[in-house]
Amino acid sequence: MFTDLYFAVFITTPVFCILGLGILFKRIDWVTTDESTRIGSDLVFKVTLPCLLFVKLVATTISLPPLLPPLRSAPFSRQAWEFFCCAAFS
């Protein structure tokens, strides 16, 4: 029960925050009806999306596999290493 309520509040809270900011900006005349589309687009694409991208990149854990396995773990690695060294320097 509480997990569903928490999920619903977690999802809808940002929407209501943006709605409240829009009402506030309209009341203090930061947003006029003529340029509201341009301002909204600039706000989304120049402020909020880069912030979201930055937050997601910071929170991501990246674990890359090694590019080449160590030669010690490969079968016949000493013979293969000697072959490649002799072929390269011959």
C-alpha atoms as a PDB file:
ATOM      1  CA  MET A   1       0.000   0.000   0.000  1.00  0.00           C
ATOM      2  CA  PHE A   2       2.653   2.503   1.030  1.00  0.00           C
ATOM      3  CA  THR A   3       4.969   1.509  -1.791  1.00  0.00           C
ATOM      4  CA  ASP A   4       2.260   2.306  -4.349  1.00  0.00           C
ATOM      5  CA  LEU A   5       1.568   5.640  -2.682  1.00  0.00           C
ATOM      6  CA  TYR A   6       5.270   6.440  -2.539  1.00  0.00           C
ATOM      7  CA  PHE A   7       5.645   5.571  -6.227  1.00  0.00           C
ATOM      8  CA  ALA A   8       2.685   7.773  -7.207  1.00  0.00           C
ATOM      9  CA  VAL A   9       3.991  10.730  -5.183  1.00  0.00           C
ATOM     10  CA  PHE A  10       7.529  10.224  -6.500  1.00  0.00           C
ATOM     11  CA  ILE A  11       6.292  10.295 -10.108  1.00  0.00           C
ATOM     12  CA  THR A  12       3.829  13.199  -9.854  1.00  0.00           C
ATOM     13  CA  THR A  13       5.826  15.561  -7.627  1.00  0.00           C
ATOM     14  CA  PRO A  14       8.166  16.845 -10.384  1.00  0.00           C
ATOM     15  CA  VAL A  15       5.174  17.530 -12.628  1.00  0.00           C
ATOM     16  CA  PHE A  16       3.486  19.640  -9.966  1.00  0.00           C
ATOM     17  CA  CYS A  17       6.768  21.431  -9.205  1.00  0.00           C
ATOM     18  CA  ILE A  18       7.159  22.448 -12.857  1.00  0.00           C
ATOM     19  CA  LEU A  19       3.513  23.490 -12.945  1.00  0.00           C
ATOM     20  CA  GLY A  20       4.026  25.609  -9.825  1.00  0.00           C
ATOM     21  CA  LEU A  21       7.121  27.219 -11.320  1.00  0.00           C
ATOM     22  CA  GLY A  22       5.149  28.074 -14.442  1.00  0.00           C
ATOM     23  CA  ILE A  23       2.421  29.744 -12.394  1.00  0.00           C
ATOM     24  CA  LEU A  24       5.019  31.633 -10.354  1.00  0.00           C
ATOM     25  CA  PHE A  25       6.885  32.807 -13.449  1.00  0.00           C
ATOM     26  CA  LYS A  26       3.601  33.942 -15.019  1.00  0.00           C
ATOM     27  CA  ARG A  27       2.658  35.970 -11.914  1.00  0.00           C
ATOM     28  CA  ILE A  28       5.988  37.778 -11.757  1.00  0.00           C
ATOM     29  CA  ASP A  29       5.843  38.404 -15.539  1.00  0.00           C
ATOM     30  CA  TRP A  30       8.870  36.328 -16.470  1.00  0.00           C
ATOM     31  CA  VAL A  31       6.698  34.490 -18.957  1.00  0.00           C
ATOM     32  CA  THR A  32       4.424  36.341 -21.353  1.00  0.00           C
ATOM     33  CA  THR A  33       1.912  34.701 -23.633  1.00  0.00           C
ATOM     34  CA  ASP A  34       3.808  35.693 -26.793  1.00  0.00           C
ATOM     35  CA  GLU A  35       7.085  34.050 -25.954  1.00  0.00           C
ATOM     36  CA  SER A  36       6.025  31.364 -23.502  1.00  0.00           C
ATOM     37  CA  THR A  37       6.638  28.569 -26.017  1.00  0.00           C
ATOM     38  CA  ARG A  38      10.170  29.739 -26.712  1.00  0.00           C
ATOM     39  CA  ILE A  39      10.946  30.207 -23.023  1.00  0.00           C
ATOM     40  CA  GLY A  40       9.521  26.800 -22.152  1.00  0.00           C
ATOM     41  CA  SER A  41      11.514  25.144 -24.895  1.00  0.00           C
ATOM     42  CA  ASP A  42      14.694  26.923 -23.820  1.00  0.00           C
ATOM     43  CA  LEU A  43      14.087  25.948 -20.198  1.00  0.00           C
ATOM     44  CA  VAL A  44      13.627  22.294 -21.083  1.00  0.00           C
ATOM     45  CA  PHE A  45      16.419  21.897 -23.627  1.00  0.00           C
ATOM     46  CA  LYS A  46      19.030  24.257 -22.175  1.00  0.00           C
ATOM     47  CA  VAL A  47      18.560  23.800 -18.429  1.00  0.00           C
ATOM     48  CA  THR A  48      16.649  20.747 -17.285  1.00  0.00           C
ATOM     49  CA  LEU A  49      17.806  18.147 -19.822  1.00  0.00           C
ATOM     50  CA  PRO A  50      21.527  18.918 -19.347  1.00  0.00           C
ATOM     51  CA  CYS A  51      20.996  18.759 -15.582  1.00  0.00           C
ATOM     52  CA  LEU A  52      19.228  15.412 -15.903  1.00  0.00           C
ATOM     53  CA  LEU A  53      21.984  14.094 -18.158  1.00  0.00           C
ATOM     54  CA  PHE A  54      24.660  15.209 -15.695  1.00  0.00           C
ATOM     55  CA  VAL A  55      22.882  13.652 -12.705  1.00  0.00           C
ATOM     56  CA  LYS A  56      22.379  10.355 -14.534  1.00  0.00           C
ATOM     57  CA  LEU A  57      25.999  10.241 -15.685  1.00  0.00           C
ATOM     58  CA  VAL A  58      27.301  10.939 -12.190  1.00  0.00           C
ATOM     59  CA  ALA A  59      25.089   8.227 -10.699  1.00  0.00           C
ATOM     60  CA  THR A  60      26.071   5.590 -13.277  1.00  0.00           C
ATOM     61  CA  THR A  61      28.624   2.963 -12.336  1.00  0.00           C
ATOM     62  CA  ILE A  62      30.678   1.918 -15.311  1.00  0.00           C
ATOM     63  CA  SER A  63      32.590  -1.333 -15.255  1.00  0.00           C
ATOM     64  CA  LEU A  64      34.397  -2.090 -18.466  1.00  0.00           C
ATOM     65  CA  PRO A  65      35.759  -5.528 -19.218  1.00  0.00           C
ATOM     66  CA  PRO A  66      39.458  -5.693 -19.989  1.00  0.00           C
ATOM     67  CA  LEU A  67      40.254  -5.225 -23.653  1.00  0.00           C
ATOM     68  CA  LEU A  68      42.532  -8.267 -23.813  1.00  0.00           C
ATOM     69  CA  PRO A  69      42.646 -11.173 -21.406  1.00  0.00           C
ATOM     70  CA  PRO A  70      45.930 -11.587 -19.581  1.00  0.00           C
ATOM     71  CA  LEU A  71      48.326 -13.871 -21.399  1.00  0.00           C
ATOM     72  CA  ARG A  72      48.833 -16.044 -18.327  1.00  0.00           C
ATOM     73  CA  SER A  73      45.238 -17.229 -18.387  1.00  0.00           C
ATOM     74  CA  ALA A  74      45.265 -18.230 -22.059  1.00  0.00           C
ATOM     75  CA  PRO A  75      46.264 -21.797 -22.926  1.00  0.00           C
ATOM     76  CA  PHE A  76      49.717 -22.091 -24.452  1.00  0.00           C
ATOM     77  CA  SER A  77      50.303 -18.432 -23.653  1.00  0.00           C
ATOM     78  CA  ARG A  78      54.094 -18.727 -23.349  1.00  0.00           C
ATOM     79  CA  GLN A  79      54.396 -20.409 -26.719  1.00  0.00           C
ATOM     80  CA  ALA A  80      52.040 -17.896 -28.318  1.00  0.00           C
ATOM     81  CA  TRP A  81      53.973 -14.987 -26.784  1.00  0.00           C
ATOM     82  CA  GLU A  82      57.280 -16.373 -28.013  1.00  0.00           C
ATOM     83  CA  PHE A  83      55.810 -16.936 -31.474  1.00  0.00           C
ATOM     84  CA  PHE A  84      54.507 -13.378 -31.762  1.00  0.00           C
ATOM     85  CA  CYS A  85      57.735 -11.879 -30.423  1.00  0.00           C
ATOM     86  CA  CYS A  86      59.872 -13.936 -32.807  1.00  0.00           C
ATOM     87  CA  ALA A  87      57.558 -13.118 -35.729  1.00  0.00           C
ATOM     88  CA  ALA A  88      57.610  -9.403 -34.910  1.00  0.00           C
ATOM     89  CA  PHE A  89      61.374  -9.063 -34.500  1.00  0.00           C
ATOM     90  CA  SER A  90      62.488 -11.427 -37.259  1.00  0.00           C
END
